[in-house]
Amino acid sequence: GHEQEEEEEEAAAPEETQETELEQALQAMRSVRFDDEGPVPEESKGGKSLRSRQDYKIHEKLRELFAKRQVWLQGPLEKQLGKMEDDTAMMRLLPLVAYQFTDGPWIG
C-alpha cells in the first residue's frame, strides 16, 4: 500500500530531477541575434553543473571544439562528442561554453 507508493515516488525522482536540470540549462542558454554588434557573451561560470568526472571531460571537449570552430549545428557537435555524452549532458553543459543565434542565414 502506502510504502509501495513512496518507493514509486522515489524511483521517479531522478528522472524528474534530470528533466528539471535540462529545463534549467535550456533556460540558461544565452541567445543573440546574428547581426548584433554588441559584445560576444562570455563563458558562463557554472561549476555546479559539472557533477561528475564525465561532465568535466565533456565540458573540456566542448571548449576544445568551440575553440577550433565557433559555430556548430547540434548534429555534428553530437557526432564529435560520440559516446562521451549521455542523453542530456551536452544540452546541460552547452550553456557553459556557448550561446545560440536566434536568427541567421542557416535558419530557414
C-alpha atoms as a PDB file:
ATOM      1  CA  GLY A   1       0.000   0.000   0.000  1.00  0.00           C
ATOM      2  CA  HIS A   2       1.445   3.235   1.247  1.00  0.00           C
ATOM      3  CA  GLU A   3       5.087   2.073   1.362  1.00  0.00           C
ATOM      4  CA  GLN A   4       4.933   0.913  -2.252  1.00  0.00           C
ATOM      5  CA  GLU A   5       3.609   4.344  -3.332  1.00  0.00           C
ATOM      6  CA  GLU A   6       6.542   6.030  -1.572  1.00  0.00           C
ATOM      7  CA  GLU A   7       9.017   3.713  -3.326  1.00  0.00           C
ATOM      8  CA  GLU A   8       7.435   4.500  -6.701  1.00  0.00           C
ATOM      9  CA  GLU A   9       7.679   8.232  -5.969  1.00  0.00           C
ATOM     10  CA  GLU A  10      11.348   7.869  -5.007  1.00  0.00           C
ATOM     11  CA  ALA A  11      12.059   5.902  -8.183  1.00  0.00           C
ATOM     12  CA  ALA A  12      10.622   8.736 -10.288  1.00  0.00           C
ATOM     13  CA  ALA A  13      12.664  11.430  -8.568  1.00  0.00           C
ATOM     14  CA  PRO A  14      15.943  11.084 -10.560  1.00  0.00           C
ATOM     15  CA  GLU A  15      14.089  11.416 -13.885  1.00  0.00           C
ATOM     16  CA  GLU A  16      12.208  14.468 -12.619  1.00  0.00           C
ATOM     17  CA  THR A  17      15.467  15.980 -11.379  1.00  0.00           C
ATOM     18  CA  GLN A  18      17.163  15.303 -14.712  1.00  0.00           C
ATOM     19  CA  GLU A  19      14.274  16.907 -16.594  1.00  0.00           C
ATOM     20  CA  THR A  20      14.350  19.941 -14.316  1.00  0.00           C
ATOM     21  CA  GLU A  21      18.124  20.324 -14.776  1.00  0.00           C
ATOM     22  CA  LEU A  22      17.733  20.095 -18.549  1.00  0.00           C
ATOM     23  CA  GLU A  23      14.963  22.689 -18.489  1.00  0.00           C
ATOM     24  CA  GLN A  24      17.153  24.961 -16.353  1.00  0.00           C
ATOM     25  CA  ALA A  25      20.080  24.512 -18.747  1.00  0.00           C
ATOM     26  CA  LEU A  26      17.951  25.370 -21.757  1.00  0.00           C
ATOM     27  CA  GLN A  27      16.672  28.466 -19.975  1.00  0.00           C
ATOM     28  CA  ALA A  28      20.260  29.428 -19.135  1.00  0.00           C
ATOM     29  CA  MET A  29      21.308  29.290 -22.804  1.00  0.00           C
ATOM     30  CA  ARG A  30      22.172  32.804 -23.882  1.00  0.00           C
ATOM     31  CA  SER A  31      20.751  33.885 -27.233  1.00  0.00           C
ATOM     32  CA  VAL A  32      21.925  36.610 -29.597  1.00  0.00           C
ATOM     33  CA  ARG A  33      20.786  37.868 -32.983  1.00  0.00           C
ATOM     34  CA  PHE A  34      23.096  37.092 -35.893  1.00  0.00           C
ATOM     35  CA  ASP A  35      23.554  40.762 -36.820  1.00  0.00           C
ATOM     36  CA  ASP A  36      24.064  42.032 -33.242  1.00  0.00           C
ATOM     37  CA  GLU A  37      27.133  44.200 -32.962  1.00  0.00           C
ATOM     38  CA  GLY A  38      27.360  44.024 -29.190  1.00  0.00           C
ATOM     39  CA  PRO A  39      29.980  42.043 -27.293  1.00  0.00           C
ATOM     40  CA  VAL A  40      30.010  38.263 -27.573  1.00  0.00           C
ATOM     41  CA  PRO A  41      28.575  36.649 -24.417  1.00  0.00           C
ATOM     42  CA  GLU A  42      31.340  35.376 -22.167  1.00  0.00           C
ATOM     43  CA  GLU A  43      31.680  31.821 -20.953  1.00  0.00           C
ATOM     44  CA  SER A  44      29.436  31.063 -18.007  1.00  0.00           C
ATOM     45  CA  LYS A  45      30.926  30.129 -14.644  1.00  0.00           C
ATOM     46  CA  GLY A  46      28.538  27.248 -13.952  1.00  0.00           C
ATOM     47  CA  GLY A  47      30.725  24.967 -11.888  1.00  0.00           C
ATOM     48  CA  LYS A  48      27.726  23.450 -10.110  1.00  0.00           C
ATOM     49  CA  SER A  49      26.587  21.988 -13.451  1.00  0.00           C
ATOM     50  CA  LEU A  50      29.741  19.869 -13.531  1.00  0.00           C
ATOM     51  CA  ARG A  51      28.624  16.998 -11.331  1.00  0.00           C
ATOM     52  CA  SER A  52      30.922  14.191 -12.365  1.00  0.00           C
ATOM     53  CA  ARG A  53      34.275  13.390 -13.904  1.00  0.00           C
ATOM     54  CA  GLN A  54      32.426  12.658 -17.159  1.00  0.00           C
ATOM     55  CA  ASP A  55      30.842  16.143 -17.054  1.00  0.00           C
ATOM     56  CA  TYR A  56      34.308  17.677 -16.728  1.00  0.00           C
ATOM     57  CA  LYS A  57      35.507  15.644 -19.738  1.00  0.00           C
ATOM     58  CA  ILE A  58      32.519  16.694 -21.850  1.00  0.00           C
ATOM     59  CA  HIS A  59      32.905  20.329 -20.770  1.00  0.00           C
ATOM     60  CA  GLU A  60      36.582  20.321 -21.738  1.00  0.00           C
ATOM     61  CA  LYS A  61      35.810  18.666 -25.095  1.00  0.00           C
ATOM     62  CA  LEU A  62      33.109  21.272 -25.807  1.00  0.00           C
ATOM     63  CA  ARG A  63      35.594  24.049 -25.030  1.00  0.00           C
ATOM     64  CA  GLU A  64      38.147  22.480 -27.398  1.00  0.00           C
ATOM     65  CA  LEU A  65      35.580  22.079 -30.175  1.00  0.00           C
ATOM     66  CA  PHE A  66      34.378  25.680 -29.907  1.00  0.00           C
ATOM     67  CA  ALA A  67      37.977  26.924 -29.842  1.00  0.00           C
ATOM     68  CA  LYS A  68      38.553  25.157 -33.184  1.00  0.00           C
ATOM     69  CA  ARG A  69      35.245  26.175 -34.758  1.00  0.00           C
ATOM     70  CA  GLN A  70      32.975  28.903 -33.446  1.00  0.00           C
ATOM     71  CA  VAL A  71      29.651  27.774 -34.934  1.00  0.00           C
ATOM     72  CA  TRP A  72      28.263  24.243 -34.662  1.00  0.00           C
ATOM     73  CA  LEU A  73      24.989  22.622 -35.591  1.00  0.00           C
ATOM     74  CA  GLN A  74      23.715  20.196 -32.968  1.00  0.00           C
ATOM     75  CA  GLY A  75      24.096  17.016 -35.057  1.00  0.00           C
ATOM     76  CA  PRO A  76      27.777  17.466 -35.972  1.00  0.00           C
ATOM     77  CA  LEU A  77      28.552  18.551 -32.402  1.00  0.00           C
ATOM     78  CA  GLU A  78      26.944  15.389 -31.012  1.00  0.00           C
ATOM     79  CA  LYS A  79      28.919  13.340 -33.539  1.00  0.00           C
ATOM     80  CA  GLN A  80      32.176  14.927 -32.333  1.00  0.00           C
ATOM     81  CA  LEU A  81      31.341  14.043 -28.738  1.00  0.00           C
ATOM     82  CA  GLY A  82      30.416  10.497 -29.734  1.00  0.00           C
ATOM     83  CA  LYS A  83      29.967   8.033 -26.894  1.00  0.00           C
ATOM     84  CA  MET A  84      31.290  10.603 -24.458  1.00  0.00           C
ATOM     85  CA  GLU A  85      27.888  12.190 -23.844  1.00  0.00           C
ATOM     86  CA  ASP A  86      24.721  10.819 -22.344  1.00  0.00           C
ATOM     87  CA  ASP A  87      21.281  11.929 -23.487  1.00  0.00           C
ATOM     88  CA  THR A  88      21.250  15.251 -21.671  1.00  0.00           C
ATOM     89  CA  ALA A  89      24.882  16.042 -20.829  1.00  0.00           C
ATOM     90  CA  MET A  90      25.590  18.122 -23.922  1.00  0.00           C
ATOM     91  CA  MET A  91      22.395  20.145 -23.599  1.00  0.00           C
ATOM     92  CA  ARG A  92      23.017  20.638 -19.883  1.00  0.00           C
ATOM     93  CA  LEU A  93      26.654  21.712 -20.351  1.00  0.00           C
ATOM     94  CA  LEU A  94      26.372  23.648 -23.613  1.00  0.00           C
ATOM     95  CA  PRO A  95      25.219  26.893 -21.929  1.00  0.00           C
ATOM     96  CA  LEU A  96      28.541  26.931 -20.046  1.00  0.00           C
ATOM     97  CA  VAL A  97      30.581  27.293 -23.240  1.00  0.00           C
ATOM     98  CA  ALA A  98      28.275  28.608 -25.957  1.00  0.00           C
ATOM     99  CA  TYR A  99      25.356  30.775 -26.933  1.00  0.00           C
ATOM    100  CA  GLN A 100      22.811  30.316 -29.683  1.00  0.00           C
ATOM    101  CA  PHE A 101      21.723  32.511 -32.556  1.00  0.00           C
ATOM    102  CA  THR A 102      18.003  33.268 -32.721  1.00  0.00           C
ATOM    103  CA  ASP A 103      18.287  34.026 -36.430  1.00  0.00           C
ATOM    104  CA  GLY A 104      20.849  33.887 -39.229  1.00  0.00           C
ATOM    105  CA  PRO A 105      21.456  32.642 -42.754  1.00  0.00           C
ATOM    106  CA  TRP A 106      21.133  28.948 -41.791  1.00  0.00           C
ATOM    107  CA  ILE A 107      17.708  29.320 -40.161  1.00  0.00           C
ATOM    108  CA  GLY A 108      15.016  28.751 -42.807  1.00  0.00           C
END
